[in-house]
Amino acid sequence: QKGVLPQRRPPSDWPWTESPPDMLFNYYIWANLESLSHFRQLRGLNAFEFVPNCGEVDATNHLVSAFLLANAVAGGTCMKHVP
């Protein structure tokens, strides 16, 4: 069984031939959307929400990181199978 982060290395050390874990992608997207939304709100524009589609066939760690970071989770049909 895979661990939450099976290969613990900083994002800068991931080679281009491999994809980093979905948890890193979720964090990167969330952090940038939060920054952009704050910038837009200061100027009276609408904000973005992070609502990833996960939990159907994805790994459990992707679902967990999305649940912790996202405003909502689209999909998530396997949530009932994960304690």
N, C-alpha and C. Protein backbone atom coordinates (compact mmCIF):
# COMPACT_ATOMS: atom_id res chain seq x y z
N GLN A 1 0.84 -1.18 0.00
CA GLN A 1 0.00 0.00 0.00
C GLN A 1 0.88 1.24 0.00
N LYS A 2 0.48 2.21 -0.76
CA LYS A 2 1.22 3.47 -0.82
C LYS A 2 0.99 4.28 0.44
N GLY A 3 2.02 4.99 0.86
CA GLY A 3 1.86 5.91 1.97
C GLY A 3 1.31 7.23 1.47
N VAL A 4 1.11 8.15 2.37
CA VAL A 4 0.58 9.45 1.97
C VAL A 4 1.54 10.16 1.04
N LEU A 5 2.80 10.22 1.41
CA LEU A 5 3.84 10.74 0.53
C LEU A 5 4.94 9.68 0.44
N PRO A 6 4.81 8.74 -0.50
CA PRO A 6 5.75 7.63 -0.54
C PRO A 6 7.19 8.06 -0.79
N GLN A 7 7.39 9.10 -1.56
CA GLN A 7 8.75 9.58 -1.83
C GLN A 7 8.83 11.01 -1.35
N ARG A 8 9.44 11.20 -0.21
CA ARG A 8 9.49 12.54 0.37
C ARG A 8 10.70 13.28 -0.14
N ARG A 9 10.47 14.17 -1.08
CA ARG A 9 11.52 15.04 -1.57
C ARG A 9 10.89 16.36 -1.94
N PRO A 10 11.64 17.43 -1.87
CA PRO A 10 11.07 18.74 -2.19
C PRO A 10 10.65 18.82 -3.66
N PRO A 11 9.66 19.65 -3.97
CA PRO A 11 9.19 19.77 -5.35
C PRO A 11 10.30 20.09 -6.35
N SER A 12 11.29 20.84 -5.93
CA SER A 12 12.37 21.20 -6.86
C SER A 12 13.22 19.99 -7.25
N ASP A 13 13.16 18.90 -6.48
CA ASP A 13 13.95 17.71 -6.77
C ASP A 13 13.23 16.68 -7.64
N TRP A 14 11.98 16.95 -8.01
CA TRP A 14 11.26 15.98 -8.84
C TRP A 14 11.75 16.08 -10.27
N PRO A 15 12.16 14.97 -10.87
CA PRO A 15 12.60 15.02 -12.27
C PRO A 15 11.41 15.22 -13.21
N TRP A 16 11.68 15.76 -14.39
CA TRP A 16 10.62 16.02 -15.36
C TRP A 16 9.98 14.74 -15.87
N THR A 17 10.65 13.61 -15.71
CA THR A 17 10.10 12.35 -16.22
C THR A 17 9.07 11.75 -15.27
N GLU A 18 8.99 12.23 -14.03
CA GLU A 18 8.03 11.73 -13.06
C GLU A 18 7.06 12.84 -12.66
N SER A 19 5.88 12.44 -12.29
CA SER A 19 4.91 13.41 -11.78
C SER A 19 4.97 13.43 -10.26
N PRO A 20 4.97 14.61 -9.66
CA PRO A 20 4.92 14.66 -8.20
C PRO A 20 3.55 14.21 -7.70
N PRO A 21 3.42 13.92 -6.42
CA PRO A 21 2.13 13.48 -5.88
C PRO A 21 1.04 14.54 -6.07
N ASP A 22 -0.19 14.07 -6.15
CA ASP A 22 -1.33 14.97 -6.31
C ASP A 22 -1.44 15.96 -5.17
N MET A 23 -0.94 15.59 -3.99
CA MET A 23 -1.00 16.50 -2.84
C MET A 23 -0.22 17.79 -3.13
N LEU A 24 0.91 17.67 -3.80
CA LEU A 24 1.69 18.86 -4.12
C LEU A 24 0.97 19.72 -5.16
N PHE A 25 0.34 19.07 -6.14
CA PHE A 25 -0.43 19.81 -7.13
C PHE A 25 -1.58 20.56 -6.46
N ASN A 26 -2.29 19.86 -5.57
CA ASN A 26 -3.41 20.50 -4.86
C ASN A 26 -2.93 21.71 -4.07
N TYR A 27 -1.83 21.56 -3.36
CA TYR A 27 -1.32 22.69 -2.57
C TYR A 27 -0.90 23.85 -3.47
N TYR A 28 -0.21 23.56 -4.55
CA TYR A 28 0.25 24.61 -5.48
C TYR A 28 -0.94 25.38 -6.06
N ILE A 29 -1.95 24.66 -6.51
CA ILE A 29 -3.13 25.31 -7.10
C ILE A 29 -3.87 26.11 -6.04
N TRP A 30 -4.07 25.52 -4.86
CA TRP A 30 -4.77 26.22 -3.77
C TRP A 30 -4.05 27.51 -3.39
N ALA A 31 -2.74 27.44 -3.18
CA ALA A 31 -1.98 28.62 -2.76
C ALA A 31 -2.05 29.73 -3.80
N ASN A 32 -1.94 29.38 -5.07
CA ASN A 32 -1.99 30.40 -6.12
C ASN A 32 -3.40 30.97 -6.28
N LEU A 33 -4.43 30.15 -6.15
CA LEU A 33 -5.80 30.67 -6.24
C LEU A 33 -6.13 31.58 -5.06
N GLU A 34 -5.65 31.23 -3.88
CA GLU A 34 -5.87 32.09 -2.71
C GLU A 34 -5.23 33.46 -2.91
N SER A 35 -4.02 33.47 -3.40
CA SER A 35 -3.31 34.72 -3.65
C SER A 35 -4.02 35.54 -4.71
N LEU A 36 -4.40 34.90 -5.80
CA LEU A 36 -5.10 35.60 -6.88
C LEU A 36 -6.46 36.11 -6.42
N SER A 37 -7.18 35.32 -5.66
CA SER A 37 -8.50 35.74 -5.17
C SER A 37 -8.39 36.94 -4.24
N HIS A 38 -7.38 36.94 -3.38
CA HIS A 38 -7.17 38.09 -2.49
C HIS A 38 -6.87 39.35 -3.31
N PHE A 39 -6.04 39.22 -4.29
CA PHE A 39 -5.70 40.33 -5.19
C PHE A 39 -6.95 40.86 -5.88
N ARG A 40 -7.80 39.95 -6.37
CA ARG A 40 -9.02 40.36 -7.07
C ARG A 40 -10.03 41.01 -6.12
N GLN A 41 -10.15 40.49 -4.90
CA GLN A 41 -11.09 41.07 -3.95
C GLN A 41 -10.70 42.48 -3.55
N LEU A 42 -9.42 42.75 -3.46
CA LEU A 42 -8.96 44.10 -3.14
C LEU A 42 -9.38 45.10 -4.21
N ARG A 43 -9.58 44.63 -5.41
CA ARG A 43 -9.97 45.50 -6.53
C ARG A 43 -11.46 45.42 -6.85
N GLY A 44 -12.23 44.77 -5.96
CA GLY A 44 -13.68 44.69 -6.12
C GLY A 44 -14.14 43.66 -7.14
N LEU A 45 -13.27 42.73 -7.51
CA LEU A 45 -13.63 41.69 -8.47
C LEU A 45 -14.03 40.42 -7.72
N ASN A 46 -14.66 39.50 -8.45
CA ASN A 46 -15.06 38.25 -7.80
C ASN A 46 -13.85 37.36 -7.53
N ALA A 47 -13.99 36.47 -6.55
CA ALA A 47 -12.91 35.58 -6.16
C ALA A 47 -13.13 34.20 -6.77
N PHE A 48 -12.06 33.46 -6.87
CA PHE A 48 -12.13 32.08 -7.37
C PHE A 48 -12.22 31.12 -6.19
N GLU A 49 -12.83 29.97 -6.43
CA GLU A 49 -12.87 28.92 -5.43
C GLU A 49 -12.19 27.69 -5.99
N PHE A 50 -11.54 26.95 -5.12
CA PHE A 50 -10.85 25.72 -5.50
C PHE A 50 -11.79 24.55 -5.24
N VAL A 51 -12.33 23.98 -6.31
CA VAL A 51 -13.27 22.86 -6.22
C VAL A 51 -12.77 21.76 -7.16
N PRO A 52 -11.81 20.95 -6.70
CA PRO A 52 -11.28 19.90 -7.58
C PRO A 52 -12.24 18.72 -7.71
N ASN A 53 -12.11 18.02 -8.82
CA ASN A 53 -12.88 16.81 -9.04
C ASN A 53 -12.00 15.64 -8.65
N CYS A 54 -12.32 15.00 -7.56
CA CYS A 54 -11.49 13.88 -7.10
C CYS A 54 -12.36 12.92 -6.29
N GLY A 55 -11.78 11.77 -5.98
CA GLY A 55 -12.48 10.81 -5.14
C GLY A 55 -13.25 9.76 -5.89
N GLU A 56 -13.17 9.75 -7.22
CA GLU A 56 -13.87 8.72 -7.96
C GLU A 56 -12.94 7.54 -8.25
N VAL A 57 -11.84 7.80 -8.90
CA VAL A 57 -10.87 6.73 -9.17
C VAL A 57 -9.48 7.14 -8.71
N ASP A 58 -9.36 8.29 -8.12
CA ASP A 58 -8.05 8.79 -7.71
C ASP A 58 -7.59 8.13 -6.42
N ALA A 59 -6.34 8.35 -6.11
CA ALA A 59 -5.78 7.82 -4.87
C ALA A 59 -6.41 8.52 -3.67
N THR A 60 -6.41 7.84 -2.55
CA THR A 60 -6.99 8.38 -1.32
C THR A 60 -6.28 9.65 -0.89
N ASN A 61 -4.95 9.72 -1.08
CA ASN A 61 -4.23 10.92 -0.64
C ASN A 61 -4.65 12.16 -1.41
N HIS A 62 -5.07 12.00 -2.66
CA HIS A 62 -5.57 13.13 -3.43
C HIS A 62 -6.89 13.62 -2.84
N LEU A 63 -7.74 12.71 -2.47
CA LEU A 63 -9.02 13.05 -1.86
C LEU A 63 -8.82 13.73 -0.51
N VAL A 64 -7.88 13.24 0.29
CA VAL A 64 -7.61 13.83 1.60
C VAL A 64 -7.08 15.25 1.47
N SER A 65 -6.10 15.45 0.58
CA SER A 65 -5.54 16.80 0.44
C SER A 65 -6.58 17.76 -0.13
N ALA A 66 -7.42 17.30 -1.04
CA ALA A 66 -8.48 18.16 -1.57
C ALA A 66 -9.47 18.52 -0.48
N PHE A 67 -9.82 17.56 0.36
CA PHE A 67 -10.76 17.83 1.45
C PHE A 67 -10.20 18.88 2.41
N LEU A 68 -8.90 18.84 2.68
CA LEU A 68 -8.29 19.78 3.61
C LEU A 68 -8.11 21.17 3.01
N LEU A 69 -7.86 21.27 1.71
CA LEU A 69 -7.54 22.55 1.09
C LEU A 69 -8.70 23.21 0.35
N ALA A 70 -9.59 22.43 -0.21
CA ALA A 70 -10.58 22.96 -1.15
C ALA A 70 -11.78 23.59 -0.44
N ASN A 71 -12.46 24.46 -1.20
CA ASN A 71 -13.72 25.03 -0.72
C ASN A 71 -14.83 23.99 -0.77
N ALA A 72 -14.74 23.07 -1.71
CA ALA A 72 -15.68 21.96 -1.87
C ALA A 72 -14.99 20.91 -2.72
N VAL A 73 -15.53 19.71 -2.74
CA VAL A 73 -14.99 18.64 -3.57
C VAL A 73 -16.06 18.23 -4.56
N ALA A 74 -15.76 18.33 -5.85
CA ALA A 74 -16.68 17.85 -6.88
C ALA A 74 -16.42 16.36 -7.06
N GLY A 75 -17.46 15.62 -7.20
CA GLY A 75 -17.30 14.16 -7.28
C GLY A 75 -17.28 13.60 -5.89
N GLY A 76 -16.20 12.93 -5.54
CA GLY A 76 -16.06 12.39 -4.19
C GLY A 76 -16.95 11.20 -3.91
N THR A 77 -17.27 10.42 -4.95
CA THR A 77 -18.18 9.30 -4.74
C THR A 77 -17.57 8.19 -3.90
N CYS A 78 -16.25 8.13 -3.83
CA CYS A 78 -15.59 7.08 -3.02
C CYS A 78 -15.38 7.52 -1.58
N MET A 79 -15.86 8.69 -1.20
CA MET A 79 -15.69 9.16 0.17
C MET A 79 -16.34 8.21 1.17
N LYS A 80 -17.42 7.57 0.77
CA LYS A 80 -18.10 6.66 1.68
C LYS A 80 -17.28 5.40 1.94
N HIS A 81 -16.29 5.10 1.08
CA HIS A 81 -15.46 3.91 1.26
C HIS A 81 -14.18 4.20 2.04
N VAL A 82 -13.89 5.47 2.28
CA VAL A 82 -12.66 5.84 2.97
C VAL A 82 -13.05 6.36 4.36
N PRO A 83 -12.53 5.71 5.43
CA PRO A 83 -12.94 6.13 6.77
C PRO A 83 -12.46 7.53 7.12
